[in-house]
Amino acid sequence: MSVNATMPSTDLVVAAPPLVPMAPDDAERAMAAYQAFTAAMLVEKDWQRAPGIEPFVKRSGWRKIATGYTLSCEILEEEVIERDERGEPKRAKAKARVYHRETGRSWEGTGRCSTTERRFSKPEHDVTSTAVTRAINRATADLVGFGEVSAEE
């Protein structure tokens, strides 16, 4: 299975062959192609860069990866777990499941967020949505084996 790097392919590959059992050389080539496919979905603006830290994939990148692997997501939990004296959210948590409908493979991820991380202009929305984003990103990363944490972390 090969994709012409200079011309977009119109042949969509939906199912991938299993990695095992196969010869070690075949496994090495299959994993290199898998990693190249995953990385090729991202462009420069999908990465967050800052001095002194490794680049992180931003939400846009995780959503592209999920689309590339035809993954779906469901939010299992979304909750403000602490409010301040004015009733504004201080901390929130979320749990998401990312899954592939055809294979049945799935992974759950959790995310938390606190107003102590940065100044949020709309805490009622921002704290929970950041926790949800982190949960989805973690579940996606674990399911596809990309191994990165999200920029939001």
Protein backbone atom coordinates (compact mmCIF):
# COMPACT_ATOMS: atom_id res chain seq x y z
CA MET A 1 0.00 0.00 0.00
CA SER A 2 1.62 3.24 -1.08
CA VAL A 3 0.45 6.79 -1.60
CA ASN A 4 1.99 9.01 -4.25
CA ALA A 5 3.59 11.88 -2.32
CA THR A 6 3.32 14.36 -5.18
CA MET A 7 -0.31 13.78 -6.13
CA PRO A 8 -3.21 13.38 -3.71
CA SER A 9 -4.53 9.85 -3.75
CA THR A 10 -8.18 9.25 -4.51
CA ASP A 11 -7.95 5.73 -3.14
CA LEU A 12 -8.97 5.93 0.50
CA VAL A 13 -7.70 3.16 2.71
CA VAL A 14 -10.20 2.49 5.48
CA ALA A 15 -8.88 -0.69 7.08
CA ALA A 16 -5.24 -1.33 7.87
CA PRO A 17 -3.69 -4.76 8.14
CA PRO A 18 -2.79 -5.85 11.66
CA LEU A 19 0.77 -5.25 12.76
CA VAL A 20 1.19 -8.75 14.17
CA PRO A 21 2.06 -11.33 13.24
CA MET A 22 4.40 -10.15 10.55
CA ALA A 23 8.10 -10.20 9.84
CA PRO A 24 10.12 -7.63 11.81
CA ASP A 25 11.17 -5.79 8.63
CA ASP A 26 7.54 -5.58 7.50
CA ALA A 27 6.50 -4.36 10.96
CA GLU A 28 9.20 -1.68 10.86
CA ARG A 29 8.01 -0.45 7.45
CA ALA A 30 4.35 -0.55 8.51
CA MET A 31 5.04 1.45 11.67
CA ALA A 32 7.14 4.00 9.76
CA ALA A 33 4.29 4.45 7.26
CA TYR A 34 1.77 4.76 10.12
CA GLN A 35 3.86 7.42 11.88
CA ALA A 36 4.49 9.29 8.63
CA PHE A 37 0.75 9.28 7.85
CA THR A 38 -0.07 10.66 11.30
CA ALA A 39 2.59 13.38 11.13
CA ALA A 40 1.66 14.31 7.54
CA MET A 41 -1.81 15.38 8.65
CA LEU A 42 -0.34 18.27 10.62
CA VAL A 43 0.87 21.63 9.36
CA GLU A 44 2.97 24.22 11.17
CA LYS A 45 -0.04 26.05 12.65
CA ASP A 46 -1.19 22.78 14.30
CA TRP A 47 1.83 22.96 16.61
CA GLN A 48 2.38 25.26 19.57
CA ARG A 49 5.97 26.24 20.12
CA ALA A 50 7.53 28.07 23.03
CA PRO A 51 11.16 28.62 24.03
CA GLY A 52 12.62 25.85 26.15
CA ILE A 53 9.83 23.30 25.66
CA GLU A 54 9.10 20.63 23.09
CA PRO A 55 6.44 21.56 20.51
CA PHE A 56 2.90 20.43 21.32
CA VAL A 57 0.03 19.51 19.02
CA LYS A 58 -2.81 22.01 19.29
CA ARG A 59 -6.51 21.16 19.26
CA SER A 60 -6.70 21.70 15.50
CA GLY A 61 -4.04 19.03 15.02
CA TRP A 62 -5.79 16.51 17.25
CA ARG A 63 -9.04 17.04 15.38
CA LYS A 64 -7.25 16.47 12.06
CA ILE A 65 -5.74 13.26 13.39
CA ALA A 66 -9.16 12.08 14.59
CA THR A 67 -10.61 12.88 11.16
CA GLY A 68 -7.73 11.13 9.37
CA TYR A 69 -8.36 7.94 11.33
CA THR A 70 -12.18 8.34 11.11
CA LEU A 71 -12.59 8.47 14.87
CA SER A 72 -15.69 9.57 16.71
CA CYS A 73 -15.98 11.00 20.20
CA GLU A 74 -18.49 11.11 22.98
CA ILE A 75 -18.28 13.21 26.12
CA LEU A 76 -18.93 10.93 29.08
CA GLU A 77 -18.59 13.49 31.84
CA GLU A 78 -18.32 17.27 32.12
CA GLU A 79 -18.49 18.89 35.54
CA VAL A 80 -17.50 22.01 37.43
CA ILE A 81 -15.99 20.56 40.59
CA GLU A 82 -15.28 23.77 42.48
CA ARG A 83 -16.67 27.31 42.45
CA ASP A 84 -15.38 30.47 44.11
CA GLU A 85 -17.30 32.63 46.60
CA ARG A 86 -19.04 34.47 43.71
CA GLY A 87 -20.16 31.20 42.12
CA GLU A 88 -17.63 31.39 39.27
CA PRO A 89 -16.03 28.07 38.26
CA LYS A 90 -12.55 27.43 39.64
CA ARG A 91 -11.98 23.85 38.56
CA ALA A 92 -13.61 21.46 36.10
CA LYS A 93 -13.13 17.88 34.95
CA ALA A 94 -14.22 15.91 31.90
CA LYS A 95 -14.04 12.40 30.51
CA ALA A 96 -14.30 11.52 26.82
CA ARG A 97 -14.29 8.31 24.80
CA VAL A 98 -12.79 8.29 21.33
CA TYR A 99 -13.64 5.29 19.21
CA HIS A 100 -13.45 3.81 15.74
CA ARG A 101 -16.91 2.65 14.68
CA GLU A 102 -15.68 -0.04 12.28
CA THR A 103 -13.10 -1.75 14.47
CA GLY A 104 -14.69 -1.07 17.85
CA ARG A 105 -11.38 0.11 19.29
CA SER A 106 -11.81 2.88 21.85
CA TRP A 107 -9.94 4.81 24.47
CA GLU A 108 -11.08 7.05 27.30
CA GLY A 109 -9.28 10.17 28.37
CA THR A 110 -9.72 12.55 31.26
CA GLY A 111 -9.04 16.25 31.45
CA ARG A 112 -9.01 18.82 34.21
CA CYS A 113 -8.68 22.57 34.21
CA SER A 114 -8.28 25.26 36.85
CA THR A 115 -8.56 29.03 36.74
CA THR A 116 -5.14 29.17 38.41
CA GLU A 117 -3.56 28.06 35.10
CA ARG A 118 -4.24 31.34 33.30
CA ARG A 119 -6.73 34.16 33.15
CA PHE A 120 -9.95 33.07 31.47
CA SER A 121 -12.22 35.75 30.01
CA LYS A 122 -15.33 33.53 30.26
CA PRO A 123 -14.67 31.07 33.13
CA GLU A 124 -18.14 29.49 33.02
CA HIS A 125 -17.40 28.30 29.49
CA ASP A 126 -13.60 28.23 29.29
CA VAL A 127 -12.76 26.06 32.29
CA THR A 128 -15.09 23.21 31.31
CA SER A 129 -14.36 23.45 27.58
CA THR A 130 -10.61 23.28 28.26
CA ALA A 131 -11.14 20.18 30.41
CA VAL A 132 -13.23 18.62 27.61
CA THR A 133 -10.59 19.47 24.99
CA ARG A 134 -7.89 17.86 27.12
CA ALA A 135 -9.98 14.71 27.62
CA ILE A 136 -10.62 14.35 23.87
CA ASN A 137 -6.99 15.07 22.98
CA ARG A 138 -5.68 12.53 25.47
CA ALA A 139 -8.08 9.82 24.32
CA THR A 140 -7.21 10.51 20.67
CA ALA A 141 -3.47 10.46 21.37
CA ASP A 142 -3.72 7.17 23.23
CA LEU A 143 -5.95 5.52 20.64
CA VAL A 144 -3.73 6.40 17.67
CA GLY A 145 -0.48 5.97 19.61
CA PHE A 146 0.89 9.38 18.69
CA GLY A 147 2.30 9.88 22.17
CA GLU A 148 2.04 13.64 22.45
CA VAL A 149 0.14 15.63 25.02
CA SER A 150 -1.93 18.54 23.86
CA ALA A 151 -0.86 22.17 23.79
CA GLU A 152 -3.62 22.92 26.28
CA GLU A 153 -1.61 21.01 28.90
